[in-house]
Amino acid sequence: MRIAIALAKGEDRVYPGPFGHAPRFAIYQVEGGEARLLEIRPNPYAALHGEGKHEKMRELLKDVDLKVGARFGHGGGLGAFPVAGRREVPPVGLKEVLALLLAQSTA
């Protein structure tokens, strides 16, 4: 499974705001109870509002199975990421989030 974790600028912490406003995403491949960092992907749409942002974000993260962030907007409404494909976590360090996700994937 491939996951995208919303990251704060210049820190290895979960971005505390809405997922789509995160300045970058850590993209991981999770298999066999292990997570391997594939890339840190910039979010060129972080400051964008309206103007087809949901479609642009879907395209940016089309290779990702699970979106992980502190907050998601629109509650799964029209244009938003589906609830099944996202996970809210506290704005903590990246290591804590990975440990939580890995523990749940092996449970």
PDB file of N, CA and C in Angstrom:
ATOM      1  N   MET A   1       0.844  -1.163   0.000  1.00  0.00           N
ATOM      2  CA  MET A   1       0.000   0.000   0.000  1.00  0.00           C
ATOM      3  C   MET A   1       0.900   1.242   0.000  1.00  0.00           C
ATOM      4  N   ARG A   2       0.484   2.229  -0.760  1.00  0.00           N
ATOM      5  CA  ARG A   2       1.228   3.482  -0.828  1.00  0.00           C
ATOM      6  C   ARG A   2       0.458   4.551  -0.044  1.00  0.00           C
ATOM      7  N   ILE A   3       1.172   5.281   0.822  1.00  0.00           N
ATOM      8  CA  ILE A   3       0.530   6.308   1.634  1.00  0.00           C
ATOM      9  C   ILE A   3       1.199   7.661   1.417  1.00  0.00           C
ATOM     10  N   ALA A   4       0.412   8.717   1.619  1.00  0.00           N
ATOM     11  CA  ALA A   4       0.914  10.092   1.571  1.00  0.00           C
ATOM     12  C   ALA A   4       0.636  10.720   2.926  1.00  0.00           C
ATOM     13  N   ILE A   5       1.680  11.198   3.590  1.00  0.00           N
ATOM     14  CA  ILE A   5       1.531  11.855   4.884  1.00  0.00           C
ATOM     15  C   ILE A   5       1.784  13.348   4.676  1.00  0.00           C
ATOM     16  N   ALA A   6       0.807  14.176   5.054  1.00  0.00           N
ATOM     17  CA  ALA A   6       0.945  15.629   4.930  1.00  0.00           C
ATOM     18  C   ALA A   6       2.031  16.106   5.889  1.00  0.00           C
ATOM     19  N   LEU A   7       3.028  16.820   5.349  1.00  0.00           N
ATOM     20  CA  LEU A   7       4.149  17.270   6.172  1.00  0.00           C
ATOM     21  C   LEU A   7       4.186  18.789   6.297  1.00  0.00           C
ATOM     22  N   ALA A   8       4.582  19.242   7.492  1.00  0.00           N
ATOM     23  CA  ALA A   8       4.809  20.662   7.729  1.00  0.00           C
ATOM     24  C   ALA A   8       6.062  21.097   6.974  1.00  0.00           C
ATOM     25  N   LYS A   9       6.162  22.375   6.699  1.00  0.00           N
ATOM     26  CA  LYS A   9       7.319  22.912   5.984  1.00  0.00           C
ATOM     27  C   LYS A   9       8.557  22.853   6.870  1.00  0.00           C
ATOM     28  N   GLY A  10       9.614  22.239   6.362  1.00  0.00           N
ATOM     29  CA  GLY A  10      10.891  22.201   7.058  1.00  0.00           C
ATOM     30  C   GLY A  10      10.947  21.328   8.295  1.00  0.00           C
ATOM     31  N   GLU A  11       9.917  20.549   8.553  1.00  0.00           N
ATOM     32  CA  GLU A  11       9.885  19.674   9.724  1.00  0.00           C
ATOM     33  C   GLU A  11       9.423  18.286   9.323  1.00  0.00           C
ATOM     34  N   ASP A  12       9.820  17.304  10.094  1.00  0.00           N
ATOM     35  CA  ASP A  12       9.319  15.945   9.891  1.00  0.00           C
ATOM     36  C   ASP A  12       8.154  15.712  10.841  1.00  0.00           C
ATOM     37  N   ARG A  13       7.161  16.584  10.726  1.00  0.00           N
ATOM     38  CA  ARG A  13       5.947  16.509  11.527  1.00  0.00           C
ATOM     39  C   ARG A  13       4.738  16.598  10.603  1.00  0.00           C
ATOM     40  N   VAL A  14       3.637  16.020  11.066  1.00  0.00           N
ATOM     41  CA  VAL A  14       2.394  16.108  10.321  1.00  0.00           C
ATOM     42  C   VAL A  14       1.955  17.569  10.283  1.00  0.00           C
ATOM     43  N   TYR A  15       1.572  18.024   9.106  1.00  0.00           N
ATOM     44  CA  TYR A  15       1.069  19.381   8.934  1.00  0.00           C
ATOM     45  C   TYR A  15      -0.205  19.535   9.774  1.00  0.00           C
ATOM     46  N   PRO A  16      -0.295  20.580  10.634  1.00  0.00           N
ATOM     47  CA  PRO A  16      -1.436  20.695  11.540  1.00  0.00           C
ATOM     48  C   PRO A  16      -2.729  21.192  10.896  1.00  0.00           C
ATOM     49  N   GLY A  17      -2.656  21.706   9.690  1.00  0.00           N
ATOM     50  CA  GLY A  17      -3.840  22.240   9.021  1.00  0.00           C
ATOM     51  C   GLY A  17      -4.477  21.227   8.092  1.00  0.00           C
ATOM     52  N   PRO A  18      -5.380  21.704   7.226  1.00  0.00           N
ATOM     53  CA  PRO A  18      -6.053  20.811   6.280  1.00  0.00           C
ATOM     54  C   PRO A  18      -5.079  20.103   5.332  1.00  0.00           C
ATOM     55  N   PHE A  19      -5.353  18.854   5.062  1.00  0.00           N
ATOM     56  CA  PHE A  19      -4.485  18.014   4.238  1.00  0.00           C
ATOM     57  C   PHE A  19      -4.083  18.686   2.928  1.00  0.00           C
ATOM     58  N   GLY A  20      -5.024  19.257   2.213  1.00  0.00           N
ATOM     59  CA  GLY A  20      -4.746  19.856   0.915  1.00  0.00           C
ATOM     60  C   GLY A  20      -3.904  21.116   0.966  1.00  0.00           C
ATOM     61  N   HIS A  21      -3.699  21.672   2.161  1.00  0.00           N
ATOM     62  CA  HIS A  21      -2.887  22.878   2.315  1.00  0.00           C
ATOM     63  C   HIS A  21      -1.456  22.558   2.768  1.00  0.00           C
ATOM     64  N   ALA A  22      -1.173  21.285   2.978  1.00  0.00           N
ATOM     65  CA  ALA A  22       0.190  20.899   3.389  1.00  0.00           C
ATOM     66  C   ALA A  22       1.183  21.289   2.303  1.00  0.00           C
ATOM     67  N   PRO A  23       2.342  21.813   2.666  1.00  0.00           N
ATOM     68  CA  PRO A  23       3.325  22.214   1.660  1.00  0.00           C
ATOM     69  C   PRO A  23       4.003  21.052   0.951  1.00  0.00           C
ATOM     70  N   ARG A  24       3.944  19.858   1.550  1.00  0.00           N
ATOM     71  CA  ARG A  24       4.609  18.688   0.951  1.00  0.00           C
ATOM     72  C   ARG A  24       4.034  17.417   1.554  1.00  0.00           C
ATOM     73  N   PHE A  25       4.343  16.317   0.881  1.00  0.00           N
ATOM     74  CA  PHE A  25       3.858  15.010   1.321  1.00  0.00           C
ATOM     75  C   PHE A  25       5.010  14.015   1.330  1.00  0.00           C
ATOM     76  N   ALA A  26       5.077  13.201   2.389  1.00  0.00           N
ATOM     77  CA  ALA A  26       6.015  12.083   2.427  1.00  0.00           C
ATOM     78  C   ALA A  26       5.271  10.891   1.839  1.00  0.00           C
ATOM     79  N   ILE A  27       5.803  10.340   0.760  1.00  0.00           N
ATOM     80  CA  ILE A  27       5.173   9.203   0.089  1.00  0.00           C
ATOM     81  C   ILE A  27       5.933   7.939   0.504  1.00  0.00           C
ATOM     82  N   TYR A  28       5.198   7.001   1.098  1.00  0.00           N
ATOM     83  CA  TYR A  28       5.782   5.744   1.586  1.00  0.00           C
ATOM     84  C   TYR A  28       5.127   4.557   0.922  1.00  0.00           C
ATOM     85  N   GLN A  29       5.907   3.511   0.747  1.00  0.00           N
ATOM     86  CA  GLN A  29       5.395   2.200   0.354  1.00  0.00           C
ATOM     87  C   GLN A  29       5.400   1.354   1.614  1.00  0.00           C
ATOM     88  N   VAL A  30       4.251   0.816   1.983  1.00  0.00           N
ATOM     89  CA  VAL A  30       4.123   0.000   3.190  1.00  0.00           C
ATOM     90  C   VAL A  30       3.836  -1.436   2.769  1.00  0.00           C
ATOM     91  N   GLU A  31       4.738  -2.350   3.156  1.00  0.00           N
ATOM     92  CA  GLU A  31       4.592  -3.769   2.836  1.00  0.00           C
ATOM     93  C   GLU A  31       5.244  -4.599   3.927  1.00  0.00           C
ATOM     94  N   GLY A  32       4.616  -5.674   4.277  1.00  0.00           N
ATOM     95  CA  GLY A  32       5.207  -6.611   5.228  1.00  0.00           C
ATOM     96  C   GLY A  32       5.595  -5.990   6.554  1.00  0.00           C
ATOM     97  N   GLY A  33       4.813  -5.025   7.028  1.00  0.00           N
ATOM     98  CA  GLY A  33       5.103  -4.397   8.312  1.00  0.00           C
ATOM     99  C   GLY A  33       6.247  -3.403   8.271  1.00  0.00           C
ATOM    100  N   GLU A  34       6.672  -3.009   7.088  1.00  0.00           N
ATOM    101  CA  GLU A  34       7.749  -2.030   6.949  1.00  0.00           C
ATOM    102  C   GLU A  34       7.312  -0.904   6.032  1.00  0.00           C
ATOM    103  N   ALA A  35       7.845   0.295   6.315  1.00  0.00           N
ATOM    104  CA  ALA A  35       7.551   1.471   5.488  1.00  0.00           C
ATOM    105  C   ALA A  35       8.848   1.967   4.870  1.00  0.00           C
ATOM    106  N   ARG A  36       8.818   2.167   3.551  1.00  0.00           N
ATOM    107  CA  ARG A  36       9.999   2.649   2.835  1.00  0.00           C
ATOM    108  C   ARG A  36       9.652   3.993   2.191  1.00  0.00           C
ATOM    109  N   LEU A  37      10.426   5.019   2.525  1.00  0.00           N
ATOM    110  CA  LEU A  37      10.206   6.340   1.947  1.00  0.00           C
ATOM    111  C   LEU A  37      10.551   6.307   0.468  1.00  0.00           C
ATOM    112  N   LEU A  38       9.596   6.717  -0.374  1.00  0.00           N
ATOM    113  CA  LEU A  38       9.820   6.775  -1.812  1.00  0.00           C
ATOM    114  C   LEU A  38      10.241   8.174  -2.253  1.00  0.00           C
ATOM    115  N   GLU A  39       9.586   9.193  -1.680  1.00  0.00           N
ATOM    116  CA  GLU A  39       9.909  10.568  -2.056  1.00  0.00           C
ATOM    117  C   GLU A  39       9.228  11.551  -1.118  1.00  0.00           C
ATOM    118  N   ILE A  40       9.738  12.768  -1.125  1.00  0.00           N
ATOM    119  CA  ILE A  40       9.059  13.907  -0.527  1.00  0.00           C
ATOM    120  C   ILE A  40       8.526  14.697  -1.712  1.00  0.00           C
ATOM    121  N   ARG A  41       7.207  14.768  -1.815  1.00  0.00           N
ATOM    122  CA  ARG A  41       6.560  15.376  -2.980  1.00  0.00           C
ATOM    123  C   ARG A  41       6.020  16.764  -2.612  1.00  0.00           C
ATOM    124  N   PRO A  42       6.487  17.809  -3.280  1.00  0.00           N
ATOM    125  CA  PRO A  42       5.951  19.153  -3.022  1.00  0.00           C
ATOM    126  C   PRO A  42       4.482  19.248  -3.434  1.00  0.00           C
ATOM    127  N   ASN A  43       3.754  20.126  -2.762  1.00  0.00           N
ATOM    128  CA  ASN A  43       2.354  20.368  -3.094  1.00  0.00           C
ATOM    129  C   ASN A  43       2.233  21.743  -3.750  1.00  0.00           C
ATOM    130  N   PRO A  44       2.222  21.808  -5.067  1.00  0.00           N
ATOM    131  CA  PRO A  44       2.130  23.100  -5.744  1.00  0.00           C
ATOM    132  C   PRO A  44       0.759  23.758  -5.597  1.00  0.00           C
ATOM    133  N   TYR A  45      -0.200  23.053  -5.025  1.00  0.00           N
ATOM    134  CA  TYR A  45      -1.565  23.565  -4.888  1.00  0.00           C
ATOM    135  C   TYR A  45      -1.905  23.955  -3.450  1.00  0.00           C
ATOM    136  N   ALA A  46      -0.927  24.001  -2.564  1.00  0.00           N
ATOM    137  CA  ALA A  46      -1.168  24.257  -1.144  1.00  0.00           C
ATOM    138  C   ALA A  46      -1.959  25.543  -0.902  1.00  0.00           C
ATOM    139  N   ALA A  47      -1.662  26.597  -1.614  1.00  0.00           N
ATOM    140  CA  ALA A  47      -2.326  27.888  -1.393  1.00  0.00           C
ATOM    141  C   ALA A  47      -3.565  28.078  -2.260  1.00  0.00           C
ATOM    142  N   LEU A  48      -3.853  27.142  -3.108  1.00  0.00           N
ATOM    143  CA  LEU A  48      -4.973  27.262  -4.040  1.00  0.00           C
ATOM    144  C   LEU A  48      -6.303  27.023  -3.326  1.00  0.00           C
ATOM    145  N   HIS A  49      -7.301  27.804  -3.697  1.00  0.00           N
ATOM    146  CA  HIS A  49      -8.670  27.631  -3.181  1.00  0.00           C
ATOM    147  C   HIS A  49      -9.583  27.582  -4.388  1.00  0.00           C
ATOM    148  N   GLY A  50     -10.523  26.642  -4.398  1.00  0.00           N
ATOM    149  CA  GLY A  50     -11.424  26.535  -5.540  1.00  0.00           C
ATOM    150  C   GLY A  50     -10.640  26.178  -6.790  1.00  0.00           C
ATOM    151  N   GLU A  51     -10.982  26.775  -7.898  1.00  0.00           N
ATOM    152  CA  GLU A  51     -10.242  26.645  -9.165  1.00  0.00           C
ATOM    153  C   GLU A  51      -9.828  25.206  -9.482  1.00  0.00           C
ATOM    154  N   GLY A  52     -10.694  24.260  -9.174  1.00  0.00           N
ATOM    155  CA  GLY A  52     -10.389  22.871  -9.496  1.00  0.00           C
ATOM    156  C   GLY A  52      -9.361  22.224  -8.587  1.00  0.00           C
ATOM    157  N   LYS A  53      -9.206  22.745  -7.358  1.00  0.00           N
ATOM    158  CA  LYS A  53      -8.178  22.212  -6.456  1.00  0.00           C
ATOM    159  C   LYS A  53      -8.355  20.716  -6.190  1.00  0.00           C
ATOM    160  N   HIS A  54      -9.584  20.267  -5.968  1.00  0.00           N
ATOM    161  CA  HIS A  54      -9.789  18.846  -5.649  1.00  0.00           C
ATOM    162  C   HIS A  54      -9.316  17.955  -6.792  1.00  0.00           C
ATOM    163  N   GLU A  55      -9.617  18.343  -8.005  1.00  0.00           N
ATOM    164  CA  GLU A  55      -9.177  17.545  -9.152  1.00  0.00           C
ATOM    165  C   GLU A  55      -7.657  17.555  -9.271  1.00  0.00           C
ATOM    166  N   LYS A  56      -7.052  18.695  -9.028  1.00  0.00           N
ATOM    167  CA  LYS A  56      -5.583  18.794  -9.100  1.00  0.00           C
ATOM    168  C   LYS A  56      -4.924  17.965  -8.011  1.00  0.00           C
ATOM    169  N   MET A  57      -5.519  17.976  -6.815  1.00  0.00           N
ATOM    170  CA  MET A  57      -4.964  17.176  -5.718  1.00  0.00           C
ATOM    171  C   MET A  57      -5.124  15.678  -6.005  1.00  0.00           C
ATOM    172  N   ARG A  58      -6.270  15.292  -6.560  1.00  0.00           N
ATOM    173  CA  ARG A  58      -6.454  13.882  -6.928  1.00  0.00           C
ATOM    174  C   ARG A  58      -5.396  13.441  -7.932  1.00  0.00           C
ATOM    175  N   GLU A  59      -5.103  14.285  -8.898  1.00  0.00           N
ATOM    176  CA  GLU A  59      -4.086  13.956  -9.908  1.00  0.00           C
ATOM    177  C   GLU A  59      -2.697  13.878  -9.264  1.00  0.00           C
ATOM    178  N   LEU A  60      -2.393  14.824  -8.372  1.00  0.00           N
ATOM    179  CA  LEU A  60      -1.088  14.849  -7.695  1.00  0.00           C
ATOM    180  C   LEU A  60      -0.845  13.574  -6.900  1.00  0.00           C
ATOM    181  N   LEU A  61      -1.910  13.044  -6.297  1.00  0.00           N
ATOM    182  CA  LEU A  61      -1.781  11.875  -5.415  1.00  0.00           C
ATOM    183  C   LEU A  61      -2.496  10.636  -5.963  1.00  0.00           C
ATOM    184  N   LYS A  62      -2.598  10.544  -7.279  1.00  0.00           N
ATOM    185  CA  LYS A  62      -3.334   9.435  -7.894  1.00  0.00           C
ATOM    186  C   LYS A  62      -2.695   8.071  -7.647  1.00  0.00           C
ATOM    187  N   ASP A  63      -1.421   8.031  -7.300  1.00  0.00           N
ATOM    188  CA  ASP A  63      -0.719   6.774  -7.048  1.00  0.00           C
ATOM    189  C   ASP A  63      -0.744   6.366  -5.578  1.00  0.00           C
ATOM    190  N   VAL A  64      -1.524   7.070  -4.759  1.00  0.00           N
ATOM    191  CA  VAL A  64      -1.552   6.862  -3.311  1.00  0.00           C
ATOM    192  C   VAL A  64      -2.866   6.199  -2.900  1.00  0.00           C
ATOM    193  N   ASP A  65      -2.777   5.200  -2.013  1.00  0.00           N
ATOM    194  CA  ASP A  65      -3.951   4.479  -1.532  1.00  0.00           C
ATOM    195  C   ASP A  65      -4.559   5.097  -0.276  1.00  0.00           C
ATOM    196  N   LEU A  66      -3.720   5.707   0.574  1.00  0.00           N
ATOM    197  CA  LEU A  66      -4.180   6.257   1.845  1.00  0.00           C
ATOM    198  C   LEU A  66      -3.554   7.624   2.062  1.00  0.00           C
ATOM    199  N   LYS A  67      -4.409   8.620   2.363  1.00  0.00           N
ATOM    200  CA  LYS A  67      -3.943   9.965   2.681  1.00  0.00           C
ATOM    201  C   LYS A  67      -3.996  10.129   4.186  1.00  0.00           C
ATOM    202  N   VAL A  68      -2.899  10.621   4.787  1.00  0.00           N
ATOM    203  CA  VAL A  68      -2.795  10.747   6.233  1.00  0.00           C
ATOM    204  C   VAL A  68      -2.505  12.203   6.574  1.00  0.00           C
ATOM    205  N   GLY A  69      -3.339  12.786   7.434  1.00  0.00           N
ATOM    206  CA  GLY A  69      -3.149  14.170   7.829  1.00  0.00           C
ATOM    207  C   GLY A  69      -3.892  14.486   9.109  1.00  0.00           C
ATOM    208  N   ALA A  70      -3.674  15.699   9.620  1.00  0.00           N
ATOM    209  CA  ALA A  70      -4.311  16.123  10.863  1.00  0.00           C
ATOM    210  C   ALA A  70      -5.769  16.514  10.659  1.00  0.00           C
ATOM    211  N   ARG A  71      -6.076  17.064   9.465  1.00  0.00           N
ATOM    212  CA  ARG A  71      -7.452  17.502   9.210  1.00  0.00           C
ATOM    213  C   ARG A  71      -7.793  17.307   7.741  1.00  0.00           C
ATOM    214  N   PHE A  72      -9.036  16.946   7.495  1.00  0.00           N
ATOM    215  CA  PHE A  72      -9.559  16.839   6.140  1.00  0.00           C
ATOM    216  C   PHE A  72     -10.825  17.671   6.074  1.00  0.00           C
ATOM    217  N   GLY A  73     -11.019  18.371   4.973  1.00  0.00           N
ATOM    218  CA  GLY A  73     -12.196  19.210   4.831  1.00  0.00           C
ATOM    219  C   GLY A  73     -13.303  18.530   4.061  1.00  0.00           C
ATOM    220  N   HIS A  74     -14.437  19.160   4.057  1.00  0.00           N
ATOM    221  CA  HIS A  74     -15.605  18.785   3.263  1.00  0.00           C
ATOM    222  C   HIS A  74     -16.249  17.466   3.651  1.00  0.00           C
ATOM    223  N   GLY A  75     -15.780  16.772   4.664  1.00  0.00           N
ATOM    224  CA  GLY A  75     -16.462  15.587   5.173  1.00  0.00           C
ATOM    225  C   GLY A  75     -16.855  14.544   4.154  1.00  0.00           C
ATOM    226  N   GLY A  76     -16.051  14.391   3.104  1.00  0.00           N
ATOM    227  CA  GLY A  76     -16.341  13.376   2.106  1.00  0.00           C
ATOM    228  C   GLY A  76     -17.392  13.797   1.100  1.00  0.00           C
ATOM    229  N   GLY A  77     -17.701  15.090   1.059  1.00  0.00           N
ATOM    230  CA  GLY A  77     -18.697  15.588   0.126  1.00  0.00           C
ATOM    231  C   GLY A  77     -18.186  15.604  -1.301  1.00  0.00           C
ATOM    232  N   LEU A  78     -18.950  16.211  -2.168  1.00  0.00           N
ATOM    233  CA  LEU A  78     -18.621  16.278  -3.589  1.00  0.00           C
ATOM    234  C   LEU A  78     -17.217  16.833  -3.782  1.00  0.00           C
ATOM    235  N   GLY A  79     -16.362  16.088  -4.458  1.00  0.00           N
ATOM    236  CA  GLY A  79     -15.015  16.537  -4.773  1.00  0.00           C
ATOM    237  C   GLY A  79     -13.979  16.213  -3.722  1.00  0.00           C
ATOM    238  N   ALA A  80     -14.386  15.874  -2.527  1.00  0.00           N
ATOM    239  CA  ALA A  80     -13.420  15.603  -1.464  1.00  0.00           C
ATOM    240  C   ALA A  80     -12.871  14.180  -1.590  1.00  0.00           C
ATOM    241  N   PHE A  81     -11.756  13.922  -0.888  1.00  0.00           N
ATOM    242  CA  PHE A  81     -11.206  12.573  -0.862  1.00  0.00           C
ATOM    243  C   PHE A  81     -12.189  11.658  -0.146  1.00  0.00           C
ATOM    244  N   PRO A  82     -12.373  10.431  -0.609  1.00  0.00           N
ATOM    245  CA  PRO A  82     -13.290   9.521   0.069  1.00  0.00           C
ATOM    246  C   PRO A  82     -12.816   9.212   1.483  1.00  0.00           C
ATOM    247  N   VAL A  83     -13.755   9.054   2.402  1.00  0.00           N
ATOM    248  CA  VAL A  83     -13.438   8.787   3.802  1.00  0.00           C
ATOM    249  C   VAL A  83     -12.606   7.516   3.934  1.00  0.00           C
ATOM    250  N   ALA A  84     -12.899   6.494   3.156  1.00  0.00           N
ATOM    251  CA  ALA A  84     -12.181   5.224   3.257  1.00  0.00           C
ATOM    252  C   ALA A  84     -10.713   5.368   2.892  1.00  0.00           C
ATOM    253  N   GLY A  85     -10.344   6.379   2.139  1.00  0.00           N
ATOM    254  CA  GLY A  85      -8.969   6.537   1.693  1.00  0.00           C
ATOM    255  C   GLY A  85      -8.174   7.566   2.458  1.00  0.00           C
ATOM    256  N   ARG A  86      -8.631   7.881   3.690  1.00  0.00           N
ATOM    257  CA  ARG A  86      -7.909   8.885   4.469  1.00  0.00           C
ATOM    258  C   ARG A  86      -7.904   8.518   5.946  1.00  0.00           C
ATOM    259  N   ARG A  87      -6.958   9.083   6.653  1.00  0.00           N
ATOM    260  CA  ARG A  87      -6.815   8.790   8.089  1.00  0.00           C
ATOM    261  C   ARG A  87      -6.369  10.061   8.790  1.00  0.00           C
ATOM    262  N   GLU A  88      -7.114  10.484   9.801  1.00  0.00           N
ATOM    263  CA  GLU A  88      -6.717  11.637  10.598  1.00  0.00           C
ATOM    264  C   GLU A  88      -5.853  11.177  11.759  1.00  0.00           C
ATOM    265  N   VAL A  89      -4.766  11.923  11.980  1.00  0.00           N
ATOM    266  CA  VAL A  89      -3.833  11.653  13.069  1.00  0.00           C
ATOM    267  C   VAL A  89      -3.471  12.991  13.719  1.00  0.00           C
ATOM    268  N   PRO A  90      -2.974  12.970  14.938  1.00  0.00           N
ATOM    269  CA  PRO A  90      -2.543  14.227  15.554  1.00  0.00           C
ATOM    270  C   PRO A  90      -1.316  14.789  14.821  1.00  0.00           C
ATOM    271  N   PRO A  91      -1.074  16.107  14.929  1.00  0.00           N
ATOM    272  CA  PRO A  91       0.103  16.693  14.272  1.00  0.00           C
ATOM    273  C   PRO A  91       1.390  16.395  15.047  1.00  0.00           C
ATOM    274  N   VAL A  92       1.782  15.143  15.024  1.00  0.00           N
ATOM    275  CA  VAL A  92       2.969  14.679  15.747  1.00  0.00           C
ATOM    276  C   VAL A  92       4.092  14.395  14.755  1.00  0.00           C
ATOM    277  N   GLY A  93       5.187  13.881  15.257  1.00  0.00           N
ATOM    278  CA  GLY A  93       6.328  13.557  14.416  1.00  0.00           C
ATOM    279  C   GLY A  93       6.052  12.409  13.454  1.00  0.00           C
ATOM    280  N   LEU A  94       6.785  12.414  12.375  1.00  0.00           N
ATOM    281  CA  LEU A  94       6.635  11.405  11.327  1.00  0.00           C
ATOM    282  C   LEU A  94       6.879   9.994  11.867  1.00  0.00           C
ATOM    283  N   LYS A  95       7.860   9.835  12.746  1.00  0.00           N
ATOM    284  CA  LYS A  95       8.153   8.510  13.308  1.00  0.00           C
ATOM    285  C   LYS A  95       6.970   7.954  14.101  1.00  0.00           C
ATOM    286  N   GLU A  96       6.298   8.838  14.865  1.00  0.00           N
ATOM    287  CA  GLU A  96       5.140   8.394  15.640  1.00  0.00           C
ATOM    288  C   GLU A  96       3.994   7.950  14.727  1.00  0.00           C
ATOM    289  N   VAL A  97       3.778   8.700  13.652  1.00  0.00           N
ATOM    290  CA  VAL A  97       2.708   8.353  12.724  1.00  0.00           C
ATOM    291  C   VAL A  97       2.998   7.027  12.033  1.00  0.00           C
ATOM    292  N   LEU A  98       4.229   6.845  11.581  1.00  0.00           N
ATOM    293  CA  LEU A  98       4.590   5.585  10.922  1.00  0.00           C
ATOM    294  C   LEU A  98       4.435   4.407  11.875  1.00  0.00           C
ATOM    295  N   ALA A  99       4.852   4.570  13.138  1.00  0.00           N
ATOM    296  CA  ALA A  99       4.708   3.499  14.121  1.00  0.00           C
ATOM    297  C   ALA A  99       3.234   3.147  14.316  1.00  0.00           C
ATOM    298  N   LEU A 100       2.369   4.162  14.388  1.00  0.00           N
ATOM    299  CA  LEU A 100       0.931   3.929  14.536  1.00  0.00           C
ATOM    300  C   LEU A 100       0.361   3.190  13.338  1.00  0.00           C
ATOM    301  N   LEU A 101       0.703   3.634  12.145  1.00  0.00           N
ATOM    302  CA  LEU A 101       0.180   3.004  10.929  1.00  0.00           C
ATOM    303  C   LEU A 101       0.672   1.564  10.781  1.00  0.00           C
ATOM    304  N   LEU A 102       1.949   1.345  11.089  1.00  0.00           N
ATOM    305  CA  LEU A 102       2.502  -0.005  10.967  1.00  0.00           C
ATOM    306  C   LEU A 102       1.888  -0.947  11.997  1.00  0.00           C
ATOM    307  N   ALA A 103       1.665  -0.461  13.209  1.00  0.00           N
ATOM    308  CA  ALA A 103       1.068  -1.292  14.252  1.00  0.00           C
ATOM    309  C   ALA A 103      -0.350  -1.706  13.833  1.00  0.00           C
ATOM    310  N   GLN A 104      -1.071  -0.801  13.211  1.00  0.00           N
ATOM    311  CA  GLN A 104      -2.441  -1.110  12.811  1.00  0.00           C
ATOM    312  C   GLN A 104      -2.483  -1.996  11.573  1.00  0.00           C
ATOM    313  N   SER A 105      -1.466  -1.894  10.721  1.00  0.00           N
ATOM    314  CA  SER A 105      -1.476  -2.725   9.510  1.00  0.00           C
ATOM    315  C   SER A 105      -1.123  -4.174   9.801  1.00  0.00           C
ATOM    316  N   THR A 106      -0.451  -4.418  10.930  1.00  0.00           N
ATOM    317  CA  THR A 106      -0.076  -5.787  11.280  1.00  0.00           C
ATOM    318  C   THR A 106      -1.034  -6.386  12.292  1.00  0.00           C
ATOM    319  N   ALA A 107      -1.961  -5.576  12.817  1.00  0.00           N
ATOM    320  CA  ALA A 107      -2.905  -6.068  13.845  1.00  0.00           C
ATOM    321  C   ALA A 107      -4.014  -6.873  13.217  1.00  0.00           C
TER     322      ALA A 107
END
